[in-house]
Amino acid sequence: MEFTGFLDFWFADRPLIERIEGFARLGIRRLNVWSWRMVDMAALSVECKTSGCILDSTFDDQMGSLVDPNDNDLTLRSWAESLEMAERYGVESLFIFSNQVDRVSDQSWSRRLSRGVTEAEQYANLLDQTEKILKMVEKTRVKVIAEPLNTFHIQGGILVHDHDLAADWVRRMNHPQFKMVFDCYHQQLTAGNLFYKMESCLGLYDAFHVADVPGRLEPGSGEINFPNLWVKLRSLGYDGYIGLEFKPSRSEAETFERVKAIFKP
């Protein structure tokens, strides 16, 4: 088990590149950053090497919608660019979502589809595009991670918004470089049933993201019983990453000590 840190949430009072040293001082060496097109990946890569860290994952916030046939050229082109970037800077994983999500007036919205298509047609297009993307992925060492996004914060509808459908997506592709993430925050907001979904999706995820509800703060700040979740995870034999994808409500050092007290090896 290893913790992974999220540059977008921790050490928010510092410039992004200076946050890497903060994580390194805590002993968190595997780091994630959102929206690679919005940051200086070259500078982050150099600083990670200097601090002994690894760029674990990122995603493309201009990927387009896999569910929209009109975006097919865009999604394949953007994935070619993302994979080239990941290979250049040593990024190990890229996240994939079913829909393009945009920020509009401080709110996240799923981009409207170009024309009316049924959910069945959307899913068929997603599977077809994913198969083509994975053909490109096979030429790299990059892993692709499917993530269901909750519909509580994101308006307008996300096709893959629950862990059952994400699991089906991964099972249908049946590809060694294609996994999913189990995200407690998204699952709790969308459907709950954390124990059941953790067990039913077992073997499909090797990243387990933690954030409490409400507020997306650290474990122990809200309604999710993380000590029980950790007992369950250990009983399932899970030995993957614990992703600290939340906003600390106190100092990072104090927050990390509280997290380690919950997720004991």
C-alpha atoms as a PDB file:
ATOM      1  CA  MET A   1       0.000   0.000   0.000  1.00  0.00           C
ATOM      2  CA  GLU A   2       1.298   3.449  -0.937  1.00  0.00           C
ATOM      3  CA  PHE A   3      -0.197   6.923  -0.617  1.00  0.00           C
ATOM      4  CA  THR A   4      -0.485   9.190  -3.641  1.00  0.00           C
ATOM      5  CA  GLY A   5      -0.822  12.966  -3.339  1.00  0.00           C
ATOM      6  CA  PHE A   6      -2.808  15.472  -5.386  1.00  0.00           C
ATOM      7  CA  LEU A   7      -1.084  18.731  -6.271  1.00  0.00           C
ATOM      8  CA  ASP A   8      -4.376  20.510  -6.955  1.00  0.00           C
ATOM      9  CA  PHE A   9      -5.616  20.108  -3.365  1.00  0.00           C
ATOM     10  CA  TRP A  10      -2.667  20.135  -0.942  1.00  0.00           C
ATOM     11  CA  PHE A  11      -0.368  23.082  -0.085  1.00  0.00           C
ATOM     12  CA  ALA A  12      -2.823  25.382  -1.847  1.00  0.00           C
ATOM     13  CA  ASP A  13      -1.058  28.487  -0.514  1.00  0.00           C
ATOM     14  CA  ARG A  14       2.001  27.708  -2.675  1.00  0.00           C
ATOM     15  CA  PRO A  15       2.605  27.834  -6.436  1.00  0.00           C
ATOM     16  CA  LEU A  16       1.914  24.434  -7.955  1.00  0.00           C
ATOM     17  CA  ILE A  17       5.545  23.537  -8.563  1.00  0.00           C
ATOM     18  CA  GLU A  18       6.509  24.319  -4.952  1.00  0.00           C
ATOM     19  CA  ARG A  19       3.926  21.857  -3.668  1.00  0.00           C
ATOM     20  CA  ILE A  20       6.079  18.954  -4.842  1.00  0.00           C
ATOM     21  CA  GLU A  21       8.695  19.647  -2.171  1.00  0.00           C
ATOM     22  CA  GLY A  22       5.927  19.781   0.450  1.00  0.00           C
ATOM     23  CA  PHE A  23       4.781  16.287  -0.458  1.00  0.00           C
ATOM     24  CA  ALA A  24       8.361  15.005  -0.581  1.00  0.00           C
ATOM     25  CA  ARG A  25       8.962  16.267   2.966  1.00  0.00           C
ATOM     26  CA  LEU A  26       5.959  14.229   4.115  1.00  0.00           C
ATOM     27  CA  GLY A  27       7.305  11.137   2.374  1.00  0.00           C
ATOM     28  CA  ILE A  28       4.603  11.137  -0.333  1.00  0.00           C
ATOM     29  CA  ARG A  29       6.502  10.510  -3.552  1.00  0.00           C
ATOM     30  CA  ARG A  30       3.812   9.533  -6.042  1.00  0.00           C
ATOM     31  CA  LEU A  31       1.968  12.642  -7.238  1.00  0.00           C
ATOM     32  CA  ASN A  32      -1.060  13.441  -9.376  1.00  0.00           C
ATOM     33  CA  VAL A  33      -2.077  16.627 -11.148  1.00  0.00           C
ATOM     34  CA  TRP A  34      -5.304  17.556 -12.916  1.00  0.00           C
ATOM     35  CA  SER A  35      -5.618  18.892 -16.478  1.00  0.00           C
ATOM     36  CA  TRP A  36      -2.150  18.507 -17.991  1.00  0.00           C
ATOM     37  CA  ARG A  37      -2.825  21.129 -20.669  1.00  0.00           C
ATOM     38  CA  MET A  38      -3.296  23.748 -17.953  1.00  0.00           C
ATOM     39  CA  VAL A  39       0.082  23.270 -16.230  1.00  0.00           C
ATOM     40  CA  ASP A  40       3.789  23.309 -17.121  1.00  0.00           C
ATOM     41  CA  MET A  41       4.418  19.584 -17.321  1.00  0.00           C
ATOM     42  CA  ALA A  42       8.089  20.055 -18.243  1.00  0.00           C
ATOM     43  CA  ALA A  43       8.752  22.091 -15.086  1.00  0.00           C
ATOM     44  CA  LEU A  44       6.759  19.669 -12.920  1.00  0.00           C
ATOM     45  CA  SER A  45       8.721  16.749 -14.338  1.00  0.00           C
ATOM     46  CA  VAL A  46      12.070  18.379 -13.569  1.00  0.00           C
ATOM     47  CA  GLU A  47      11.002  19.288 -10.019  1.00  0.00           C
ATOM     48  CA  CYS A  48       9.702  15.759  -9.402  1.00  0.00           C
ATOM     49  CA  LYS A  49      13.055  14.291 -10.404  1.00  0.00           C
ATOM     50  CA  THR A  50      14.855  16.801  -8.166  1.00  0.00           C
ATOM     51  CA  SER A  51      12.618  15.892  -5.204  1.00  0.00           C
ATOM     52  CA  GLY A  52      12.655  12.147  -5.849  1.00  0.00           C
ATOM     53  CA  CYS A  53       8.973  12.052  -6.815  1.00  0.00           C
ATOM     54  CA  ILE A  54       6.989  10.430  -9.627  1.00  0.00           C
ATOM     55  CA  LEU A  55       4.269  11.943 -11.780  1.00  0.00           C
ATOM     56  CA  ASP A  56       1.676   9.255 -11.245  1.00  0.00           C
ATOM     57  CA  SER A  57      -1.316  10.510 -13.221  1.00  0.00           C
ATOM     58  CA  THR A  58      -3.110  13.341 -14.969  1.00  0.00           C
ATOM     59  CA  PHE A  59      -5.914  13.795 -17.500  1.00  0.00           C
ATOM     60  CA  ASP A  60      -6.880  15.871 -20.513  1.00  0.00           C
ATOM     61  CA  ASP A  61      -9.654  18.355 -19.756  1.00  0.00           C
ATOM     62  CA  GLN A  62     -10.147  18.896 -23.511  1.00  0.00           C
ATOM     63  CA  MET A  63     -10.517  15.257 -24.484  1.00  0.00           C
ATOM     64  CA  GLY A  64     -14.030  15.613 -25.873  1.00  0.00           C
ATOM     65  CA  SER A  65     -16.862  13.187 -25.155  1.00  0.00           C
ATOM     66  CA  LEU A  66     -16.351   9.506 -25.885  1.00  0.00           C
ATOM     67  CA  VAL A  67     -20.133   9.130 -25.971  1.00  0.00           C
ATOM     68  CA  ASP A  68     -20.565  11.688 -28.768  1.00  0.00           C
ATOM     69  CA  PRO A  69     -19.961  10.366 -32.319  1.00  0.00           C
ATOM     70  CA  ASN A  70     -19.307  13.921 -33.467  1.00  0.00           C
ATOM     71  CA  ASP A  71     -16.274  14.067 -31.151  1.00  0.00           C
ATOM     72  CA  ASN A  72     -14.641  10.893 -32.442  1.00  0.00           C
ATOM     73  CA  ASP A  73     -11.848  12.643 -34.342  1.00  0.00           C
ATOM     74  CA  LEU A  74     -11.233  14.972 -31.387  1.00  0.00           C
ATOM     75  CA  THR A  75     -11.010  12.190 -28.804  1.00  0.00           C
ATOM     76  CA  LEU A  76      -8.541  10.158 -30.864  1.00  0.00           C
ATOM     77  CA  ARG A  77      -6.419  13.208 -31.631  1.00  0.00           C
ATOM     78  CA  SER A  78      -6.378  14.377 -28.014  1.00  0.00           C
ATOM     79  CA  TRP A  79      -5.475  10.900 -26.779  1.00  0.00           C
ATOM     80  CA  ALA A  80      -2.553  10.716 -29.196  1.00  0.00           C
ATOM     81  CA  GLU A  81      -1.328  14.022 -27.744  1.00  0.00           C
ATOM     82  CA  SER A  82      -1.877  12.867 -24.153  1.00  0.00           C
ATOM     83  CA  LEU A  83       0.047   9.652 -24.706  1.00  0.00           C
ATOM     84  CA  GLU A  84       2.950  11.522 -26.314  1.00  0.00           C
ATOM     85  CA  MET A  85       3.013  13.875 -23.314  1.00  0.00           C
ATOM     86  CA  ALA A  86       2.878  10.985 -20.827  1.00  0.00           C
ATOM     87  CA  GLU A  87       5.770   9.185 -22.512  1.00  0.00           C
ATOM     88  CA  ARG A  88       7.843  12.369 -22.641  1.00  0.00           C
ATOM     89  CA  TYR A  89       7.432  13.218 -18.953  1.00  0.00           C
ATOM     90  CA  GLY A  90       7.173   9.739 -17.472  1.00  0.00           C
ATOM     91  CA  VAL A  91       3.508   9.998 -16.422  1.00  0.00           C
ATOM     92  CA  GLU A  92       2.415   6.481 -15.529  1.00  0.00           C
ATOM     93  CA  SER A  93      -1.393   6.753 -15.821  1.00  0.00           C
ATOM     94  CA  LEU A  94      -4.009   8.787 -17.685  1.00  0.00           C
ATOM     95  CA  PHE A  95      -7.594   9.080 -16.514  1.00  0.00           C
ATOM     96  CA  ILE A  96     -10.469   8.655 -18.947  1.00  0.00           C
ATOM     97  CA  PHE A  97     -14.064   9.897 -18.572  1.00  0.00           C
ATOM     98  CA  SER A  98     -17.160   9.221 -20.639  1.00  0.00           C
ATOM     99  CA  ASN A  99     -18.076  12.890 -21.124  1.00  0.00           C
ATOM    100  CA  GLN A 100     -16.378  16.223 -21.603  1.00  0.00           C
ATOM    101  CA  VAL A 101     -16.865  18.373 -18.503  1.00  0.00           C
ATOM    102  CA  ASP A 102     -16.609  22.174 -18.744  1.00  0.00           C
ATOM    103  CA  ARG A 103     -16.628  24.940 -16.148  1.00  0.00           C
ATOM    104  CA  VAL A 104     -19.471  27.406 -16.746  1.00  0.00           C
ATOM    105  CA  SER A 105     -20.083  30.261 -14.274  1.00  0.00           C
ATOM    106  CA  ASP A 106     -18.235  28.418 -11.485  1.00  0.00           C
ATOM    107  CA  GLN A 107     -20.249  25.253 -12.084  1.00  0.00           C
ATOM    108  CA  SER A 108     -19.200  21.984 -13.747  1.00  0.00           C
ATOM    109  CA  TRP A 109     -21.384  20.969 -16.688  1.00  0.00           C
ATOM    110  CA  SER A 110     -21.284  17.967 -18.944  1.00  0.00           C
ATOM    111  CA  ARG A 111     -20.983  19.310 -22.485  1.00  0.00           C
ATOM    112  CA  ARG A 112     -24.179  18.996 -24.510  1.00  0.00           C
ATOM    113  CA  LEU A 113     -24.065  16.264 -27.132  1.00  0.00           C
ATOM    114  CA  SER A 114     -23.939  17.399 -30.739  1.00  0.00           C
ATOM    115  CA  ARG A 115     -27.129  15.549 -31.595  1.00  0.00           C
ATOM    116  CA  GLY A 116     -29.695  13.375 -29.935  1.00  0.00           C
ATOM    117  CA  VAL A 117     -28.358   9.879 -29.319  1.00  0.00           C
ATOM    118  CA  THR A 118     -29.779   7.243 -27.013  1.00  0.00           C
ATOM    119  CA  GLU A 119     -27.821   6.052 -23.989  1.00  0.00           C
ATOM    120  CA  ALA A 120     -27.303   2.710 -25.720  1.00  0.00           C
ATOM    121  CA  GLU A 121     -25.811   4.492 -28.748  1.00  0.00           C
ATOM    122  CA  GLN A 122     -23.634   6.611 -26.470  1.00  0.00           C
ATOM    123  CA  TYR A 123     -22.257   3.555 -24.706  1.00  0.00           C
ATOM    124  CA  ALA A 124     -21.632   1.723 -27.971  1.00  0.00           C
ATOM    125  CA  ASN A 125     -19.663   4.710 -29.257  1.00  0.00           C
ATOM    126  CA  LEU A 126     -17.692   4.909 -25.993  1.00  0.00           C
ATOM    127  CA  LEU A 127     -16.709   1.235 -26.269  1.00  0.00           C
ATOM    128  CA  ASP A 128     -15.701   1.598 -29.904  1.00  0.00           C
ATOM    129  CA  GLN A 129     -13.578   4.698 -29.206  1.00  0.00           C
ATOM    130  CA  THR A 130     -11.966   3.096 -26.166  1.00  0.00           C
ATOM    131  CA  GLU A 131     -10.933   0.104 -28.262  1.00  0.00           C
ATOM    132  CA  LYS A 132      -9.229   2.448 -30.732  1.00  0.00           C
ATOM    133  CA  ILE A 133      -7.558   4.401 -27.930  1.00  0.00           C
ATOM    134  CA  LEU A 134      -6.213   1.214 -26.376  1.00  0.00           C
ATOM    135  CA  LYS A 135      -4.615   0.296 -29.693  1.00  0.00           C
ATOM    136  CA  MET A 136      -2.549   3.470 -29.322  1.00  0.00           C
ATOM    137  CA  VAL A 137      -1.954   2.794 -25.622  1.00  0.00           C
ATOM    138  CA  GLU A 138      -0.451  -0.627 -26.429  1.00  0.00           C
ATOM    139  CA  LYS A 139       2.528   1.145 -28.021  1.00  0.00           C
ATOM    140  CA  THR A 140       3.334   2.809 -24.693  1.00  0.00           C
ATOM    141  CA  ARG A 141       3.823   1.867 -21.036  1.00  0.00           C
ATOM    142  CA  VAL A 142       0.931   4.103 -19.956  1.00  0.00           C
ATOM    143  CA  LYS A 143      -2.038   2.753 -18.003  1.00  0.00           C
ATOM    144  CA  VAL A 144      -5.536   4.132 -18.615  1.00  0.00           C
ATOM    145  CA  ILE A 145      -7.894   4.503 -15.656  1.00  0.00           C
ATOM    146  CA  ALA A 146     -11.657   4.836 -16.080  1.00  0.00           C
ATOM    147  CA  GLU A 147     -13.313   7.086 -13.505  1.00  0.00           C
ATOM    148  CA  PRO A 148     -17.062   7.479 -12.941  1.00  0.00           C
ATOM    149  CA  LEU A 149     -17.921  11.085 -12.071  1.00  0.00           C
ATOM    150  CA  ASN A 150     -20.761  11.985  -9.725  1.00  0.00           C
ATOM    151  CA  THR A 151     -23.841  13.837 -10.950  1.00  0.00           C
ATOM    152  CA  PHE A 152     -24.207  15.798  -7.703  1.00  0.00           C
ATOM    153  CA  HIS A 153     -21.565  18.381  -8.628  1.00  0.00           C
ATOM    154  CA  ILE A 154     -21.546  17.887 -12.402  1.00  0.00           C
ATOM    155  CA  GLN A 155     -24.733  19.029 -14.067  1.00  0.00           C
ATOM    156  CA  GLY A 156     -26.158  17.933 -17.390  1.00  0.00           C
ATOM    157  CA  GLY A 157     -25.654  14.175 -17.144  1.00  0.00           C
ATOM    158  CA  ILE A 158     -22.593  11.906 -17.163  1.00  0.00           C
ATOM    159  CA  LEU A 159     -23.086   8.532 -18.813  1.00  0.00           C
ATOM    160  CA  VAL A 160     -20.512   6.663 -16.694  1.00  0.00           C
ATOM    161  CA  HIS A 161     -21.405   8.074 -13.276  1.00  0.00           C
ATOM    162  CA  ASP A 162     -21.423   4.913 -11.163  1.00  0.00           C
ATOM    163  CA  HIS A 163     -18.917   2.186 -10.398  1.00  0.00           C
ATOM    164  CA  ASP A 164     -21.088  -0.592 -11.866  1.00  0.00           C
ATOM    165  CA  LEU A 165     -20.940   0.909 -15.343  1.00  0.00           C
ATOM    166  CA  ALA A 166     -17.236   1.721 -14.997  1.00  0.00           C
ATOM    167  CA  ALA A 167     -16.644  -1.912 -14.046  1.00  0.00           C
ATOM    168  CA  ASP A 168     -18.616  -3.101 -17.080  1.00  0.00           C
ATOM    169  CA  TRP A 169     -16.561  -0.771 -19.279  1.00  0.00           C
ATOM    170  CA  VAL A 170     -13.302  -2.261 -18.005  1.00  0.00           C
ATOM    171  CA  ARG A 171     -14.531  -5.844 -18.204  1.00  0.00           C
ATOM    172  CA  ARG A 172     -15.717  -5.419 -21.799  1.00  0.00           C
ATOM    173  CA  MET A 173     -12.335  -4.033 -22.887  1.00  0.00           C
ATOM    174  CA  ASN A 174     -10.469  -6.826 -21.031  1.00  0.00           C
ATOM    175  CA  HIS A 175      -7.146  -5.062 -21.555  1.00  0.00           C
ATOM    176  CA  PRO A 176      -4.084  -5.263 -19.251  1.00  0.00           C
ATOM    177  CA  GLN A 177      -3.493  -1.494 -19.533  1.00  0.00           C
ATOM    178  CA  PHE A 178      -7.077  -0.533 -18.715  1.00  0.00           C
ATOM    179  CA  LYS A 179      -8.283  -0.368 -15.109  1.00  0.00           C
ATOM    180  CA  MET A 180     -10.714   1.716 -13.056  1.00  0.00           C
ATOM    181  CA  VAL A 181     -10.382   3.758  -9.887  1.00  0.00           C
ATOM    182  CA  PHE A 182     -12.556   3.209  -6.850  1.00  0.00           C
ATOM    183  CA  ASP A 183     -13.373   6.722  -5.690  1.00  0.00           C
ATOM    184  CA  CYS A 184     -15.173   6.857  -2.335  1.00  0.00           C
ATOM    185  CA  TYR A 185     -16.234  10.465  -2.801  1.00  0.00           C
ATOM    186  CA  HIS A 186     -17.902   9.986  -6.191  1.00  0.00           C
ATOM    187  CA  GLN A 187     -19.463   6.653  -5.217  1.00  0.00           C
ATOM    188  CA  GLN A 188     -20.903   7.994  -1.961  1.00  0.00           C
ATOM    189  CA  LEU A 189     -22.460  11.002  -3.696  1.00  0.00           C
ATOM    190  CA  THR A 190     -23.841   8.924  -6.552  1.00  0.00           C
ATOM    191  CA  ALA A 191     -25.065   5.687  -5.003  1.00  0.00           C
ATOM    192  CA  GLY A 192     -23.485   4.805  -1.655  1.00  0.00           C
ATOM    193  CA  ASN A 193     -23.202   1.037  -1.060  1.00  0.00           C
ATOM    194  CA  LEU A 194     -19.434   1.360  -0.647  1.00  0.00           C
ATOM    195  CA  PHE A 195     -18.819  -2.097   0.839  1.00  0.00           C
ATOM    196  CA  TYR A 196     -20.822  -3.848  -1.864  1.00  0.00           C
ATOM    197  CA  LYS A 197     -19.182  -1.940  -4.721  1.00  0.00           C
ATOM    198  CA  MET A 198     -15.677  -2.402  -3.277  1.00  0.00           C
ATOM    199  CA  GLU A 199     -16.254  -6.155  -3.332  1.00  0.00           C
ATOM    200  CA  SER A 200     -18.087  -6.404  -6.659  1.00  0.00           C
ATOM    201  CA  CYS A 201     -15.391  -4.362  -8.450  1.00  0.00           C
ATOM    202  CA  LEU A 202     -12.473  -6.145  -6.771  1.00  0.00           C
ATOM    203  CA  GLY A 203      -9.633  -6.881  -9.158  1.00  0.00           C
ATOM    204  CA  LEU A 204     -10.582  -4.052 -11.504  1.00  0.00           C
ATOM    205  CA  TYR A 205      -9.050  -1.221  -9.473  1.00  0.00           C
ATOM    206  CA  ASP A 206      -5.596  -0.658  -8.004  1.00  0.00           C
ATOM    207  CA  ALA A 207      -6.233   2.952  -7.017  1.00  0.00           C
ATOM    208  CA  PHE A 208      -8.562   3.769  -4.122  1.00  0.00           C
ATOM    209  CA  HIS A 209      -9.301   7.491  -3.784  1.00  0.00           C
ATOM    210  CA  VAL A 210     -10.405   8.894  -0.453  1.00  0.00           C
ATOM    211  CA  ALA A 211     -12.259  12.113   0.407  1.00  0.00           C
ATOM    212  CA  ASP A 212     -15.080  12.590   2.863  1.00  0.00           C
ATOM    213  CA  VAL A 213     -18.622  13.776   2.224  1.00  0.00           C
ATOM    214  CA  PRO A 214     -19.605  16.587   2.388  1.00  0.00           C
ATOM    215  CA  GLY A 215     -16.904  19.075   1.540  1.00  0.00           C
ATOM    216  CA  ARG A 216     -14.316  16.775  -0.081  1.00  0.00           C
ATOM    217  CA  LEU A 217     -12.158  17.101   3.038  1.00  0.00           C
ATOM    218  CA  GLU A 218      -9.939  14.502   4.708  1.00  0.00           C
ATOM    219  CA  PRO A 219     -11.224  11.139   5.999  1.00  0.00           C
ATOM    220  CA  GLY A 220     -12.827  11.523   9.396  1.00  0.00           C
ATOM    221  CA  SER A 221     -14.342  14.922   8.655  1.00  0.00           C
ATOM    222  CA  GLY A 222     -17.720  13.732   7.374  1.00  0.00           C
ATOM    223  CA  GLU A 223     -20.164  10.867   7.001  1.00  0.00           C
ATOM    224  CA  ILE A 224     -18.007   8.063   5.548  1.00  0.00           C
ATOM    225  CA  ASN A 225     -16.674   5.516   8.047  1.00  0.00           C
ATOM    226  CA  PHE A 226     -13.146   5.187   6.695  1.00  0.00           C
ATOM    227  CA  PRO A 227     -11.791   2.942   9.473  1.00  0.00           C
ATOM    228  CA  ASN A 228     -14.454   0.381   8.525  1.00  0.00           C
ATOM    229  CA  LEU A 229     -13.649   0.804   4.825  1.00  0.00           C
ATOM    230  CA  TRP A 230      -9.994   0.115   5.515  1.00  0.00           C
ATOM    231  CA  VAL A 231     -10.831  -3.047   7.455  1.00  0.00           C
ATOM    232  CA  LYS A 232     -12.958  -4.153   4.500  1.00  0.00           C
ATOM    233  CA  LEU A 233     -10.227  -3.344   1.973  1.00  0.00           C
ATOM    234  CA  ARG A 234      -7.675  -5.358   3.920  1.00  0.00           C
ATOM    235  CA  SER A 235     -10.075  -8.293   4.198  1.00  0.00           C
ATOM    236  CA  LEU A 236     -10.391  -8.200   0.401  1.00  0.00           C
ATOM    237  CA  GLY A 237      -6.612  -8.387   0.060  1.00  0.00           C
ATOM    238  CA  TYR A 238      -6.273  -4.940  -1.518  1.00  0.00           C
ATOM    239  CA  ASP A 239      -2.663  -3.773  -1.797  1.00  0.00           C
ATOM    240  CA  GLY A 240      -2.870  -0.857  -4.232  1.00  0.00           C
ATOM    241  CA  TYR A 241      -2.615   2.908  -3.955  1.00  0.00           C
ATOM    242  CA  ILE A 242      -4.540   5.127  -1.545  1.00  0.00           C
ATOM    243  CA  GLY A 243      -5.146   8.416  -3.382  1.00  0.00           C
ATOM    244  CA  LEU A 244      -5.411  11.468  -1.104  1.00  0.00           C
ATOM    245  CA  GLU A 245      -7.735  13.409  -3.417  1.00  0.00           C
ATOM    246  CA  PHE A 246      -9.129  15.859  -0.874  1.00  0.00           C
ATOM    247  CA  LYS A 247      -8.647  19.339   0.599  1.00  0.00           C
ATOM    248  CA  PRO A 248      -6.950  19.253   4.020  1.00  0.00           C
ATOM    249  CA  SER A 249      -8.914  21.222   6.619  1.00  0.00           C
ATOM    250  CA  ARG A 250      -5.792  21.753   8.760  1.00  0.00           C
ATOM    251  CA  SER A 251      -2.036  21.653   8.190  1.00  0.00           C
ATOM    252  CA  GLU A 252      -0.895  19.052   5.683  1.00  0.00           C
ATOM    253  CA  ALA A 253       1.434  17.437   8.219  1.00  0.00           C
ATOM    254  CA  GLU A 254      -1.337  17.072  10.800  1.00  0.00           C
ATOM    255  CA  THR A 255      -3.800  15.871   8.191  1.00  0.00           C
ATOM    256  CA  PHE A 256      -1.394  13.226   6.931  1.00  0.00           C
ATOM    257  CA  GLU A 257      -0.819  11.929  10.456  1.00  0.00           C
ATOM    258  CA  ARG A 258      -4.588  11.523  10.871  1.00  0.00           C
ATOM    259  CA  VAL A 259      -4.797   9.692   7.533  1.00  0.00           C
ATOM    260  CA  LYS A 260      -1.961   7.329   8.444  1.00  0.00           C
ATOM    261  CA  ALA A 261      -3.686   6.583  11.750  1.00  0.00           C
ATOM    262  CA  ILE A 262      -6.694   5.309   9.763  1.00  0.00           C
ATOM    263  CA  PHE A 263      -4.883   3.471   6.976  1.00  0.00           C
ATOM    264  CA  LYS A 264      -2.387   1.491   8.991  1.00  0.00           C
ATOM    265  CA  PRO A 265      -0.409  -1.186   7.080  1.00  0.00           C
END
